[in-house]
Amino acid sequence: MSRLPEPLQFLLHKHRELIRFALVGGTTFIIDNGVWYALKLTVLTDKVVTAKVIGVLVAIIASYVLSREWSFHTRGGRERHHEAALFFLVSGLGVAINIAPLWLSRHLFGLQAPFVSVMTEEIADFASGSIIGMLLATGFKFWAMRRWVFPDAGARPDRRVHPISVDSSRVPSRNSGLPVPGTDPVDRAEAS
């Protein structure tokens, strides 16, 4: 990150939770849609909304682990069981928000076969269930996670691995008189 321009470093640092939340969202988007389409195209062909709910639930479990341990790893302020209960409550509301556009598309607007072509049905399902629903649910969940689930910034220590410090006086260099691997013409010839 130190190779990036200062203004970009500042923005990345300032919005690191949002960036991490978006990456977790991207991961759970793949999980959600993978499970949804696997079920929708095999065992739940007549229960598309049920298949979507199952996909979302599997993604929520992955989201909790990734959010707690990575996106919001320095936030807390609640006991783990209370935090988990709030996470799943917020996620449940997120499921309702996520499913609403798909339900409306299928049952209110009738965008399903035989009323429309299979291609139109698939496009409507993806647009309503995976784009519109996901965006609405994601916006709500980011706000709710910071507000209620992980409310206290800095409540947990930052457990990231920090670079190892090196005593530069013990590292061989070209001017130290100590042999530096790869600098001797004989070493280079043997390496090639």
Protein backbone atom coordinates (compact mmCIF):
# COMPACT_ATOMS: atom_id res chain seq x y z
CA MET A 1 0.00 0.00 0.00
CA SER A 2 2.98 2.32 0.52
CA ARG A 3 3.49 2.41 -3.26
CA LEU A 4 0.14 4.11 -3.77
CA PRO A 5 -0.22 7.91 -3.88
CA GLU A 6 -0.85 9.59 -0.50
CA PRO A 7 -4.45 10.67 -1.27
CA LEU A 8 -5.37 7.11 -2.31
CA GLN A 9 -3.68 5.66 0.80
CA PHE A 10 -5.71 8.07 2.91
CA LEU A 11 -9.00 7.04 1.25
CA LEU A 12 -8.23 3.33 1.52
CA HIS A 13 -7.37 3.68 5.20
CA LYS A 14 -10.37 5.89 5.94
CA HIS A 15 -12.83 3.52 4.24
CA ARG A 16 -11.16 0.19 5.07
CA GLU A 17 -14.23 -1.20 6.85
CA LEU A 18 -16.44 -0.38 3.89
CA ILE A 19 -13.92 -1.90 1.45
CA ARG A 20 -13.63 -5.06 3.56
CA PHE A 21 -17.41 -5.22 3.93
CA ALA A 22 -17.70 -4.95 0.13
CA LEU A 23 -15.18 -7.76 -0.36
CA VAL A 24 -17.06 -9.95 2.11
CA GLY A 25 -20.23 -9.03 0.24
CA GLY A 26 -18.64 -10.07 -3.05
CA THR A 27 -17.63 -13.40 -1.55
CA THR A 28 -21.07 -14.03 -0.10
CA PHE A 29 -22.64 -12.90 -3.39
CA ILE A 30 -20.82 -15.78 -5.09
CA ILE A 31 -21.84 -18.20 -2.32
CA ASP A 32 -25.46 -17.01 -2.39
CA ASN A 33 -25.82 -17.26 -6.16
CA GLY A 34 -23.91 -20.52 -6.40
CA VAL A 35 -26.23 -22.20 -3.91
CA TRP A 36 -29.32 -20.49 -5.39
CA TYR A 37 -28.64 -21.57 -8.95
CA ALA A 38 -27.52 -25.06 -7.89
CA LEU A 39 -30.85 -25.55 -6.10
CA LYS A 40 -32.98 -23.67 -8.64
CA LEU A 41 -31.66 -25.70 -11.54
CA THR A 42 -31.82 -29.09 -9.78
CA VAL A 43 -33.97 -30.00 -6.78
CA LEU A 44 -36.02 -26.79 -6.29
CA THR A 45 -37.01 -25.93 -9.87
CA ASP A 46 -40.57 -25.09 -8.81
CA LYS A 47 -39.53 -23.27 -5.60
CA VAL A 48 -37.26 -20.48 -6.84
CA VAL A 49 -37.89 -18.16 -3.88
CA THR A 50 -37.22 -21.01 -1.42
CA ALA A 51 -33.97 -21.78 -3.24
CA LYS A 52 -32.99 -18.11 -2.97
CA VAL A 53 -33.74 -18.06 0.78
CA ILE A 54 -31.51 -21.12 1.31
CA GLY A 55 -28.71 -19.50 -0.72
CA VAL A 56 -28.98 -16.31 1.32
CA LEU A 57 -28.95 -18.24 4.62
CA VAL A 58 -25.76 -20.11 3.68
CA ALA A 59 -24.19 -16.80 2.66
CA ILE A 60 -25.24 -15.19 5.98
CA ILE A 61 -23.35 -17.80 7.98
CA ALA A 62 -20.21 -17.16 5.93
CA SER A 63 -20.82 -13.42 6.26
CA TYR A 64 -20.91 -13.56 10.06
CA VAL A 65 -17.56 -15.30 10.29
CA LEU A 66 -15.91 -13.01 7.72
CA SER A 67 -17.46 -9.84 9.16
CA ARG A 68 -16.51 -10.58 12.74
CA GLU A 69 -13.00 -11.78 11.99
CA TRP A 70 -12.07 -9.42 9.16
CA SER A 71 -14.42 -6.57 8.16
CA PHE A 72 -15.15 -5.40 11.70
CA HIS A 73 -12.26 -7.14 13.47
CA THR A 74 -11.51 -4.14 15.70
CA ARG A 75 -15.14 -3.38 16.52
CA GLY A 76 -17.18 -4.96 19.26
CA GLY A 77 -18.75 -3.77 22.45
CA ARG A 78 -21.05 -6.71 22.97
CA GLU A 79 -20.78 -10.24 24.32
CA ARG A 80 -20.36 -12.75 21.49
CA HIS A 81 -23.78 -14.40 21.91
CA HIS A 82 -25.50 -10.99 21.94
CA GLU A 83 -23.46 -9.89 18.93
CA ALA A 84 -24.33 -13.09 17.04
CA ALA A 85 -28.04 -12.75 17.87
CA LEU A 86 -28.06 -9.15 16.60
CA PHE A 87 -26.07 -10.16 13.51
CA PHE A 88 -28.60 -12.83 12.59
CA LEU A 89 -31.53 -10.51 13.36
CA VAL A 90 -30.09 -7.79 11.11
CA SER A 91 -29.30 -10.43 8.50
CA GLY A 92 -32.87 -11.74 8.73
CA LEU A 93 -34.14 -8.27 7.95
CA GLY A 94 -31.57 -8.20 5.15
CA VAL A 95 -33.02 -11.46 3.78
CA ALA A 96 -36.50 -9.91 3.72
CA ILE A 97 -35.13 -6.85 1.91
CA ASN A 98 -33.15 -9.10 -0.46
CA ILE A 99 -36.09 -11.39 -1.28
CA ALA A 100 -38.72 -8.64 -1.69
CA PRO A 101 -37.73 -7.59 -5.25
CA LEU A 102 -37.62 -11.24 -6.43
CA TRP A 103 -41.01 -11.95 -4.86
CA LEU A 104 -42.45 -8.79 -6.46
CA SER A 105 -40.94 -9.74 -9.83
CA ARG A 106 -42.39 -13.26 -9.75
CA HIS A 107 -45.70 -12.82 -7.96
CA LEU A 108 -46.82 -9.21 -8.47
CA PHE A 109 -45.39 -8.44 -11.92
CA GLY A 110 -45.77 -12.04 -13.19
CA LEU A 111 -42.29 -12.22 -14.72
CA GLN A 112 -42.23 -16.00 -14.93
CA ALA A 113 -42.97 -18.64 -17.55
CA PRO A 114 -45.44 -19.16 -19.21
CA PHE A 115 -46.28 -15.43 -19.06
CA VAL A 116 -42.82 -14.44 -20.34
CA SER A 117 -40.00 -16.27 -22.10
CA VAL A 118 -37.54 -18.34 -20.08
CA MET A 119 -34.79 -15.84 -20.97
CA THR A 120 -36.88 -12.93 -19.67
CA GLU A 121 -37.65 -14.89 -16.51
CA GLU A 122 -33.94 -15.59 -15.90
CA ILE A 123 -32.95 -11.97 -16.50
CA ALA A 124 -35.75 -10.72 -14.22
CA ASP A 125 -34.78 -13.23 -11.52
CA PHE A 126 -31.13 -12.21 -11.64
CA ALA A 127 -31.85 -8.47 -11.77
CA SER A 128 -34.39 -8.54 -8.97
CA GLY A 129 -32.88 -11.25 -6.74
CA SER A 130 -29.16 -10.74 -7.23
CA ILE A 131 -28.73 -7.09 -8.09
CA ILE A 132 -31.59 -4.97 -6.74
CA GLY A 133 -32.25 -7.11 -3.67
CA MET A 134 -28.56 -7.54 -2.88
CA LEU A 135 -27.80 -3.81 -3.19
CA LEU A 136 -30.72 -2.80 -0.96
CA ALA A 137 -29.86 -5.45 1.64
CA THR A 138 -26.14 -4.59 1.57
CA GLY A 139 -26.73 -0.89 2.20
CA PHE A 140 -29.05 -1.67 5.08
CA LYS A 141 -26.71 -4.28 6.58
CA PHE A 142 -23.58 -2.07 6.50
CA TRP A 143 -25.44 0.67 8.33
CA ALA A 144 -27.03 -1.74 10.84
CA MET A 145 -23.80 -3.67 11.53
CA ARG A 146 -21.93 -0.49 12.46
CA ARG A 147 -24.90 0.89 14.40
CA TRP A 148 -26.05 -2.14 16.41
CA VAL A 149 -23.98 -5.29 15.95
CA PHE A 150 -20.41 -3.94 16.12
CA PRO A 151 -21.06 -0.47 17.61
CA ASP A 152 -17.76 0.34 19.34
CA ALA A 153 -14.79 1.14 17.11
CA GLY A 154 -11.52 -0.01 18.66
CA ALA A 155 -13.21 -2.35 21.16
CA ARG A 156 -10.96 -5.25 20.14
CA PRO A 157 -7.23 -5.06 19.51
CA ASP A 158 -5.94 -5.12 15.95
CA ARG A 159 -4.58 -8.65 15.53
CA ARG A 160 -3.04 -8.13 12.12
CA VAL A 161 0.49 -9.37 11.61
CA HIS A 162 2.95 -6.51 11.64
CA PRO A 163 6.17 -6.56 9.62
CA ILE A 164 9.18 -8.09 11.31
CA SER A 165 11.84 -5.56 12.19
CA VAL A 166 15.28 -6.34 10.82
CA ASP A 167 18.57 -5.24 12.33
CA SER A 168 20.12 -3.70 9.22
CA SER A 169 23.63 -3.82 10.72
CA ARG A 170 23.51 -7.64 10.42
CA VAL A 171 22.29 -7.73 6.81
CA PRO A 172 25.12 -8.09 4.28
CA SER A 173 25.38 -5.35 1.71
CA ARG A 174 27.70 -4.61 -1.18
CA ASN A 175 29.75 -2.15 0.92
CA SER A 176 30.01 -4.16 4.14
CA GLY A 177 32.73 -6.53 2.99
CA LEU A 178 30.47 -9.52 3.80
CA PRO A 179 29.59 -11.85 0.93
CA VAL A 180 26.21 -11.11 -0.65
CA PRO A 181 24.67 -14.11 -2.44
CA GLY A 182 24.25 -13.61 -6.18
CA THR A 183 26.79 -10.78 -6.53
CA ASP A 184 29.87 -12.88 -7.22
CA PRO A 185 30.32 -13.55 -10.99
CA VAL A 186 31.00 -17.25 -10.18
CA ASP A 187 27.69 -17.49 -8.22
CA ARG A 188 25.81 -15.93 -11.16
CA ALA A 189 27.36 -18.36 -13.61
CA GLU A 190 26.45 -21.36 -11.42
CA ALA A 191 22.88 -20.09 -10.96
CA SER A 192 22.25 -19.94 -14.72
